[in-house]
C-alpha atoms as a PDB file:
ATOM      1  CA  MET A   1      76.405 115.570 128.344  1.00  0.00           C
ATOM      2  CA  THR A   2      75.709 113.225 125.836  1.00  0.00           C
ATOM      3  CA  LEU A   3      77.038 109.856 126.378  1.00  0.00           C
ATOM      4  CA  PRO A   4      79.148 108.238 123.451  1.00  0.00           C
ATOM      5  CA  THR A   5      77.247 105.517 121.467  1.00  0.00           C
ATOM      6  CA  LEU A   6      78.454 101.992 122.138  1.00  0.00           C
ATOM      7  CA  ASP A   7      78.136  99.159 119.749  1.00  0.00           C
ATOM      8  CA  ASP A   8      77.080  95.449 121.012  1.00  0.00           C
ATOM      9  CA  ASN A   9      80.723  94.487 122.151  1.00  0.00           C
ATOM     10  CA  GLY A  10      81.286  97.824 124.246  1.00  0.00           C
ATOM     11  CA  PHE A  11      83.098  99.727 121.551  1.00  0.00           C
ATOM     12  CA  ARG A  12      82.804 103.475 121.340  1.00  0.00           C
ATOM     13  CA  ILE A  13      81.554 104.315 117.793  1.00  0.00           C
ATOM     14  CA  ARG A  14      83.996 106.771 116.353  1.00  0.00           C
ATOM     15  CA  GLY A  15      83.761 106.509 112.641  1.00  0.00           C
ATOM     16  CA  GLY A  16      81.002 107.162 110.336  1.00  0.00           C
ATOM     17  CA  PRO A  17      80.637 106.425 106.301  1.00  0.00           C
ATOM     18  CA  THR A  18      83.689 107.528 104.542  1.00  0.00           C
ATOM     19  CA  ARG A  19      84.548 107.016 100.770  1.00  0.00           C
ATOM     20  CA  THR A  20      86.733 104.343 101.658  1.00  0.00           C
ATOM     21  CA  ASP A  21      83.880 102.633 102.994  1.00  0.00           C
ATOM     22  CA  ALA A  22      81.363 103.342 100.269  1.00  0.00           C
ATOM     23  CA  PHE A  23      84.229 101.629  97.893  1.00  0.00           C
ATOM     24  CA  VAL A  24      84.598  98.667 100.136  1.00  0.00           C
ATOM     25  CA  ASP A  25      80.759  98.111 100.211  1.00  0.00           C
ATOM     26  CA  ALA A  26      80.764  98.394  96.272  1.00  0.00           C
ATOM     27  CA  ALA A  27      83.126  95.908  96.077  1.00  0.00           C
ATOM     28  CA  PHE A  28      81.841  93.369  98.629  1.00  0.00           C
ATOM     29  CA  ALA A  29      78.448  93.924  96.800  1.00  0.00           C
ATOM     30  CA  PHE A  30      80.352  93.109  93.377  1.00  0.00           C
ATOM     31  CA  ALA A  31      81.790  90.076  94.984  1.00  0.00           C
ATOM     32  CA  VAL A  32      78.228  88.664  96.090  1.00  0.00           C
ATOM     33  CA  THR A  33      77.190  89.518  92.473  1.00  0.00           C
ATOM     34  CA  LEU A  34      79.913  87.153  90.973  1.00  0.00           C
ATOM     35  CA  LEU A  35      78.726  84.353  93.170  1.00  0.00           C
ATOM     36  CA  VAL A  36      75.431  84.794  91.735  1.00  0.00           C
ATOM     37  CA  ILE A  37      76.898  84.801  88.117  1.00  0.00           C
ATOM     38  CA  SER A  38      79.135  81.659  89.226  1.00  0.00           C
ATOM     39  CA  ILE A  39      75.720  79.609  89.535  1.00  0.00           C
ATOM     40  CA  GLY A  40      74.756  79.640  85.832  1.00  0.00           C
ATOM     41  CA  HIS A  41      72.026  80.710  83.742  1.00  0.00           C
ATOM     42  CA  VAL A  42      68.495  81.611  84.777  1.00  0.00           C
ATOM     43  CA  PRO A  43      66.404  78.617  85.145  1.00  0.00           C
ATOM     44  CA  ALA A  44      63.964  77.935  82.137  1.00  0.00           C
ATOM     45  CA  SER A  45      61.835  75.091  83.648  1.00  0.00           C
ATOM     46  CA  VAL A  46      60.663  73.887  86.785  1.00  0.00           C
ATOM     47  CA  GLU A  47      63.009  71.054  86.446  1.00  0.00           C
ATOM     48  CA  GLU A  48      65.949  73.573  86.169  1.00  0.00           C
ATOM     49  CA  LEU A  49      65.048  75.490  89.065  1.00  0.00           C
ATOM     50  CA  VAL A  50      64.733  72.606  91.157  1.00  0.00           C
ATOM     51  CA  GLN A  51      68.387  71.710  89.799  1.00  0.00           C
ATOM     52  CA  ALA A  52      69.347  75.595  90.591  1.00  0.00           C
ATOM     53  CA  LEU A  53      67.937  75.287  94.197  1.00  0.00           C
ATOM     54  CA  ARG A  54      70.553  72.225  94.789  1.00  0.00           C
ATOM     55  CA  GLY A  55      73.529  74.949  94.731  1.00  0.00           C
ATOM     56  CA  LEU A  56      71.608  77.089  97.226  1.00  0.00           C
ATOM     57  CA  PRO A  57      73.585  75.623 100.429  1.00  0.00           C
ATOM     58  CA  ALA A  58      77.021  76.235  98.417  1.00  0.00           C
ATOM     59  CA  PHE A  59      75.861  79.902  97.763  1.00  0.00           C
ATOM     60  CA  ALA A  60      74.404  80.424 101.203  1.00  0.00           C
ATOM     61  CA  ALA A  61      78.244  78.931 102.437  1.00  0.00           C
ATOM     62  CA  SER A  62      79.909  81.404 100.322  1.00  0.00           C
ATOM     63  CA  PHE A  63      77.660  84.215 100.983  1.00  0.00           C
ATOM     64  CA  PHE A  64      78.184  83.767 104.879  1.00  0.00           C
ATOM     65  CA  VAL A  65      82.031  83.924 104.565  1.00  0.00           C
ATOM     66  CA  ILE A  66      81.891  87.069 102.292  1.00  0.00           C
ATOM     67  CA  SER A  67      79.391  88.788 104.634  1.00  0.00           C
ATOM     68  CA  ARG A  68      81.556  87.820 107.693  1.00  0.00           C
ATOM     69  CA  PHE A  69      84.482  89.547 105.895  1.00  0.00           C
ATOM     70  CA  TRP A  70      82.487  92.761 105.224  1.00  0.00           C
ATOM     71  CA  LEU A  71      80.983  92.855 108.439  1.00  0.00           C
ATOM     72  CA  ALA A  72      84.595  92.718 109.923  1.00  0.00           C
ATOM     73  CA  HIS A  73      85.413  95.553 108.027  1.00  0.00           C
ATOM     74  CA  ARG A  74      82.454  97.514 108.902  1.00  0.00           C
ATOM     75  CA  HIS A  75      83.279  96.633 112.719  1.00  0.00           C
ATOM     76  CA  TRP A  76      86.863  97.918 112.407  1.00  0.00           C
ATOM     77  CA  SER A  77      85.792 101.161 110.409  1.00  0.00           C
ATOM     78  CA  ARG A  78      83.149 102.116 113.000  1.00  0.00           C
ATOM     79  CA  ARG A  79      84.982 101.446 116.293  1.00  0.00           C
ATOM     80  CA  TYR A  80      88.181 103.078 115.230  1.00  0.00           C
ATOM     81  CA  GLY A  81      87.252 105.495 112.564  1.00  0.00           C
ATOM     82  CA  ILE A  82      90.753 105.511 110.982  1.00  0.00           C
ATOM     83  CA  GLU A  83      91.052 106.784 107.391  1.00  0.00           C
ATOM     84  CA  ASP A  84      94.772 107.207 106.832  1.00  0.00           C
ATOM     85  CA  ASP A  85      96.726 106.577 103.713  1.00  0.00           C
ATOM     86  CA  TYR A  86      97.769 103.046 105.404  1.00  0.00           C
ATOM     87  CA  ALA A  87      94.326 101.871 106.524  1.00  0.00           C
ATOM     88  CA  THR A  88      93.220 103.029 103.033  1.00  0.00           C
ATOM     89  CA  ARG A  89      95.754 100.969 101.364  1.00  0.00           C
ATOM     90  CA  LEU A  90      94.934  97.887 103.265  1.00  0.00           C
ATOM     91  CA  SER A  91      91.267  98.213 102.591  1.00  0.00           C
ATOM     92  CA  VAL A  92      92.267  98.447  98.726  1.00  0.00           C
ATOM     93  CA  VAL A  93      94.258  95.303  99.222  1.00  0.00           C
ATOM     94  CA  LEU A  94      91.185  93.466 101.241  1.00  0.00           C
ATOM     95  CA  VAL A  95      88.859  94.253  98.064  1.00  0.00           C
ATOM     96  CA  PHE A  96      91.452  92.994  95.608  1.00  0.00           C
ATOM     97  CA  ILE A  97      91.836  89.622  97.511  1.00  0.00           C
ATOM     98  CA  VAL A  98      88.254  89.122  98.081  1.00  0.00           C
ATOM     99  CA  LEU A  99      87.378  89.490  94.502  1.00  0.00           C
ATOM    100  CA  VAL A 100      89.841  87.026  93.541  1.00  0.00           C
ATOM    101  CA  TYR A 101      88.980  84.616  96.320  1.00  0.00           C
ATOM    102  CA  VAL A 102      85.208  84.649  95.228  1.00  0.00           C
ATOM    103  CA  TYR A 103      85.841  81.688  92.786  1.00  0.00           C
ATOM    104  CA  PRO A 104      87.940  79.240  94.990  1.00  0.00           C
ATOM    105  CA  LEU A 105      85.301  79.999  97.878  1.00  0.00           C
ATOM    106  CA  ARG A 106      82.335  79.024  95.586  1.00  0.00           C
ATOM    107  CA  MET A 107      84.553  75.718  94.480  1.00  0.00           C
ATOM    108  CA  VAL A 108      85.563  74.693  97.831  1.00  0.00           C
ATOM    109  CA  ALA A 109      81.621  75.143  99.127  1.00  0.00           C
ATOM    110  CA  GLU A 110      80.261  73.141  96.157  1.00  0.00           C
ATOM    111  CA  LEU A 111      83.040  70.457  96.507  1.00  0.00           C
ATOM    112  CA  THR A 112      82.443  70.206 100.404  1.00  0.00           C
ATOM    113  CA  LEU A 113      78.704  69.955 100.382  1.00  0.00           C
ATOM    114  CA  ALA A 114      78.518  67.690  97.567  1.00  0.00           C
ATOM    115  CA  SER A 115      81.082  65.304  98.888  1.00  0.00           C
ATOM    116  CA  LEU A 116      79.044  65.220 102.379  1.00  0.00           C
ATOM    117  CA  SER A 117      75.781  64.897 100.653  1.00  0.00           C
ATOM    118  CA  GLY A 118      76.807  62.433  97.743  1.00  0.00           C
ATOM    119  CA  GLY A 119      76.193  65.153  95.431  1.00  0.00           C
ATOM    120  CA  ALA A 120      72.595  66.314  96.446  1.00  0.00           C
ATOM    121  CA  LEU A 121      73.716  69.434  97.527  1.00  0.00           C
ATOM    122  CA  ALA A 122      75.439  70.740  94.225  1.00  0.00           C
ATOM    123  CA  GLU A 123      73.809  72.008  91.305  1.00  0.00           C
ATOM    124  CA  THR A 124      76.917  71.495  88.991  1.00  0.00           C
ATOM    125  CA  PRO A 125      79.512  69.629  91.296  1.00  0.00           C
ATOM    126  CA  VAL A 126      83.149  70.315  90.882  1.00  0.00           C
ATOM    127  CA  VAL A 127      84.939  68.124  88.640  1.00  0.00           C
ATOM    128  CA  LEU A 128      88.584  66.900  89.870  1.00  0.00           C
ATOM    129  CA  THR A 129      90.313  64.631  87.883  1.00  0.00           C
ATOM    130  CA  THR A 130      93.762  64.269  89.614  1.00  0.00           C
ATOM    131  CA  VAL A 131      95.250  64.661  93.092  1.00  0.00           C
ATOM    132  CA  THR A 132      96.997  67.732  91.934  1.00  0.00           C
ATOM    133  CA  GLU A 133      93.942  69.613  91.202  1.00  0.00           C
ATOM    134  CA  LEU A 134      92.534  68.988  94.673  1.00  0.00           C
ATOM    135  CA  ARG A 135      95.724  69.924  96.281  1.00  0.00           C
ATOM    136  CA  THR A 136      95.860  73.026  94.197  1.00  0.00           C
ATOM    137  CA  LEU A 137      92.140  74.029  95.253  1.00  0.00           C
ATOM    138  CA  TYR A 138      93.225  73.674  99.081  1.00  0.00           C
ATOM    139  CA  ILE A 139      96.465  75.370  98.552  1.00  0.00           C
ATOM    140  CA  VAL A 140      94.810  78.684  96.768  1.00  0.00           C
ATOM    141  CA  PHE A 141      91.743  78.583  99.172  1.00  0.00           C
ATOM    142  CA  GLY A 142      94.088  78.472 102.354  1.00  0.00           C
ATOM    143  CA  VAL A 143      96.329  81.244 100.794  1.00  0.00           C
ATOM    144  CA  GLY A 144      93.572  83.381  99.989  1.00  0.00           C
ATOM    145  CA  TYR A 145      91.840  83.068 103.417  1.00  0.00           C
ATOM    146  CA  ALA A 146      95.114  83.736 105.288  1.00  0.00           C
ATOM    147  CA  LEU A 147      95.700  86.939 102.852  1.00  0.00           C
ATOM    148  CA  ALA A 148      92.609  88.222 103.966  1.00  0.00           C
ATOM    149  CA  GLY A 149      93.485  87.385 107.626  1.00  0.00           C
ATOM    150  CA  VAL A 150      96.500  89.249 107.481  1.00  0.00           C
ATOM    151  CA  VAL A 151      94.892  92.297 106.298  1.00  0.00           C
ATOM    152  CA  PHE A 152      92.215  92.461 108.936  1.00  0.00           C
ATOM    153  CA  LEU A 153      95.491  91.405 111.544  1.00  0.00           C
ATOM    154  CA  LEU A 154      97.175  94.575 110.260  1.00  0.00           C
ATOM    155  CA  LEU A 155      94.117  97.002 110.161  1.00  0.00           C
ATOM    156  CA  HIS A 156      93.541  96.128 114.141  1.00  0.00           C
ATOM    157  CA  ARG A 157      97.241  96.160 114.858  1.00  0.00           C
ATOM    158  CA  HIS A 158      97.226  99.786 113.300  1.00  0.00           C
ATOM    159  CA  ALA A 159      94.319 100.819 115.595  1.00  0.00           C
ATOM    160  CA  LEU A 160      96.344  99.480 118.688  1.00  0.00           C
ATOM    161  CA  ALA A 161      99.311 101.299 117.613  1.00  0.00           C
ATOM    162  CA  ASN A 162      97.097 104.435 117.473  1.00  0.00           C
ATOM    163  CA  ALA A 163      95.101 103.697 120.767  1.00  0.00           C
ATOM    164  CA  ASP A 164      96.077 106.597 122.667  1.00  0.00           C
ATOM    165  CA  ALA A 165      95.184 109.142 119.763  1.00  0.00           C
ATOM    166  CA  LEU A 166      91.945 107.292 119.395  1.00  0.00           C
ATOM    167  CA  GLY A 167      91.261 107.432 123.180  1.00  0.00           C
ATOM    168  CA  LEU A 168      90.815 103.471 123.372  1.00  0.00           C
ATOM    169  CA  ALA A 169      89.421 102.802 126.957  1.00  0.00           C
ATOM    170  CA  ARG A 170      91.159  99.679 128.831  1.00  0.00           C
ATOM    171  CA  GLU A 171      88.319  97.585 127.701  1.00  0.00           C
ATOM    172  CA  GLU A 172      88.454  98.522 124.105  1.00  0.00           C
ATOM    173  CA  ARG A 173      92.178  97.811 124.008  1.00  0.00           C
ATOM    174  CA  ILE A 174      91.989  94.100 125.504  1.00  0.00           C
ATOM    175  CA  ARG A 175      88.959  93.389 123.148  1.00  0.00           C
ATOM    176  CA  THR A 176      91.188  94.823 120.037  1.00  0.00           C
ATOM    177  CA  GLU A 177      93.706  92.632 121.450  1.00  0.00           C
ATOM    178  CA  THR A 178      91.694  89.768 121.066  1.00  0.00           C
ATOM    179  CA  VAL A 179      90.680  90.361 117.908  1.00  0.00           C
ATOM    180  CA  CYS A 180      94.325  90.443 116.553  1.00  0.00           C
ATOM    181  CA  LEU A 181      94.628  86.974 117.923  1.00  0.00           C
ATOM    182  CA  ARG A 182      91.464  85.623 116.491  1.00  0.00           C
ATOM    183  CA  TRP A 183      92.725  86.853 113.242  1.00  0.00           C
ATOM    184  CA  THR A 184      96.234  85.462 113.983  1.00  0.00           C
ATOM    185  CA  SER A 185      94.424  81.793 114.590  1.00  0.00           C
ATOM    186  CA  VAL A 186      92.800  82.580 111.263  1.00  0.00           C
ATOM    187  CA  VAL A 187      96.137  82.989 109.364  1.00  0.00           C
ATOM    188  CA  ALA A 188      97.641  80.122 111.029  1.00  0.00           C
ATOM    189  CA  ILE A 189      94.915  77.675 110.259  1.00  0.00           C
ATOM    190  CA  ALA A 190      94.443  78.600 106.660  1.00  0.00           C
ATOM    191  CA  LEU A 191      98.070  78.115 106.237  1.00  0.00           C
ATOM    192  CA  LEU A 192      97.980  75.027 108.075  1.00  0.00           C
ATOM    193  CA  SER A 193      95.045  73.707 105.561  1.00  0.00           C
ATOM    194  CA  ALA A 194      96.926  74.816 102.704  1.00  0.00           C
ATOM    195  CA  LEU A 195     100.249  72.947 104.116  1.00  0.00           C
ATOM    196  CA  GLY A 196      97.815  69.826 104.629  1.00  0.00           C
ATOM    197  CA  GLY A 197      96.438  70.076 101.040  1.00  0.00           C
ATOM    198  CA  LEU A 198     100.098  70.011  99.894  1.00  0.00           C
ATOM    199  CA  ALA A 199     101.629  67.306 102.259  1.00  0.00           C
ATOM    200  CA  LEU A 200      98.904  65.035 103.110  1.00  0.00           C
ATOM    201  CA  PRO A 201      98.319  61.616 101.066  1.00  0.00           C
ATOM    202  CA  MET A 202      95.359  61.939  98.823  1.00  0.00           C
ATOM    203  CA  GLY A 203      93.926  59.839  96.299  1.00  0.00           C
ATOM    204  CA  ARG A 204      92.598  56.378  96.043  1.00  0.00           C
ATOM    205  CA  GLY A 205      96.038  54.834  95.577  1.00  0.00           C
ATOM    206  CA  GLU A 206      96.705  55.817  99.430  1.00  0.00           C
ATOM    207  CA  SER A 207      96.180  53.199 102.061  1.00  0.00           C
ATOM    208  CA  VAL A 208      94.778  56.049 104.369  1.00  0.00           C
ATOM    209  CA  PRO A 209      93.619  58.829 102.101  1.00  0.00           C
ATOM    210  CA  PHE A 210      93.154  62.547 103.834  1.00  0.00           C
ATOM    211  CA  ASP A 211      91.219  64.249 100.965  1.00  0.00           C
ATOM    212  CA  LEU A 212      88.744  65.913 103.385  1.00  0.00           C
ATOM    213  CA  ALA A 213      91.296  66.485 106.108  1.00  0.00           C
ATOM    214  CA  PRO A 214      92.536  69.915 104.920  1.00  0.00           C
ATOM    215  CA  GLY A 215      88.964  71.335 104.684  1.00  0.00           C
ATOM    216  CA  LEU A 216      87.999  69.868 108.105  1.00  0.00           C
ATOM    217  CA  ILE A 217      91.119  71.554 109.558  1.00  0.00           C
ATOM    218  CA  TYR A 218      89.179  74.933 109.593  1.00  0.00           C
ATOM    219  CA  ALA A 219      86.703  73.398 112.332  1.00  0.00           C
ATOM    220  CA  LEU A 220      89.770  74.387 114.819  1.00  0.00           C
ATOM    221  CA  LEU A 221      88.688  77.937 114.222  1.00  0.00           C
ATOM    222  CA  PHE A 222      85.782  76.995 116.532  1.00  0.00           C
ATOM    223  CA  VAL A 223      88.201  76.044 119.074  1.00  0.00           C
ATOM    224  CA  ALA A 224      90.412  78.740 118.910  1.00  0.00           C
ATOM    225  CA  PHE A 225      87.758  81.411 119.203  1.00  0.00           C
ATOM    226  CA  ALA A 226      86.130  79.885 122.176  1.00  0.00           C
ATOM    227  CA  LEU A 227      89.410  79.752 123.967  1.00  0.00           C
ATOM    228  CA  LEU A 228      90.182  83.254 123.136  1.00  0.00           C
ATOM    229  CA  ARG A 229      86.766  84.251 124.312  1.00  0.00           C
ATOM    230  CA  ARG A 230      87.408  82.512 127.541  1.00  0.00           C
ATOM    231  CA  ARG A 231      90.679  84.267 128.097  1.00  0.00           C
ATOM    232  CA  GLU A 232      89.005  87.702 127.172  1.00  0.00           C
ATOM    233  CA  ARG A 233      86.567  87.227 129.698  1.00  0.00           C
ATOM    234  CA  ARG A 234      89.292  86.035 132.433  1.00  0.00           C
ATOM    235  CA  VAL A 235      91.338  89.327 131.745  1.00  0.00           C
ATOM    236  CA  LEU A 236      88.374  91.590 131.754  1.00  0.00           C
ATOM    237  CA  GLY A 237      87.248  89.971 134.617  1.00  0.00           C
ATOM    238  CA  ALA A 238      90.424  90.053 136.800  1.00  0.00           C
ATOM    239  CA  GLY A 239      91.323  93.613 135.665  1.00  0.00           C
ATOM    240  CA  TRP A 240      94.635  92.231 134.032  1.00  0.00           C
ATOM    241  CA  GLU A 241      96.217  93.953 130.924  1.00  0.00           C
ATOM    242  CA  LEU A 242      97.581  91.807 128.147  1.00  0.00           C
ATOM    243  CA  ALA A 243     101.159  91.734 127.501  1.00  0.00           C
ATOM    244  CA  ARG A 244     102.047  93.589 124.708  1.00  0.00           C
END
């Protein structure tokens, strides 16, 4: 009897490459291309090359976020193998969000690294002339991140709704519920950041400006993920089932 193939997190691999996966992969590759195009022209001298390399950290940060989205969708597709109309529509919505999200992602990465490095880690620093522009950037970025999180949350909730048909083991159900909680925390923290961008005092005219606070809020993701990992290990170890 052939044993099922498992991934690194103990999920049985149920899905193979599909037309939806091919479309999503191509769209994410195009999103990375848009990141490259946003850098500017090809350097024509060593001086321009050095200047371009200053933007490498921002590109790397943006690439990391895009690749994490792609990897999350790949994991979902392989673990559950669902390709019904609902899942396909969600995947198409994800592609749309990512393609729109590329530009605010790049701008936020440039702005953050330029601020932290005094401009040293930015090829062409983002120029914000008013507090309103800064608020708008935080809001657009937060809403885009939250929308992507909602899509992943719905995809995994859809997998849980079909758990019996998919034959999900107890451990797989618990881990899927943990993933749902992870994406819920992404949505909540992204919206909290957007709200901070809207409401927190910013600008030199404020006695205590919070210009970087909406961006720093995303550090809460590391705390949330660590707590959820501990919770998952406790539930798996104790043999309890998460409440549905």
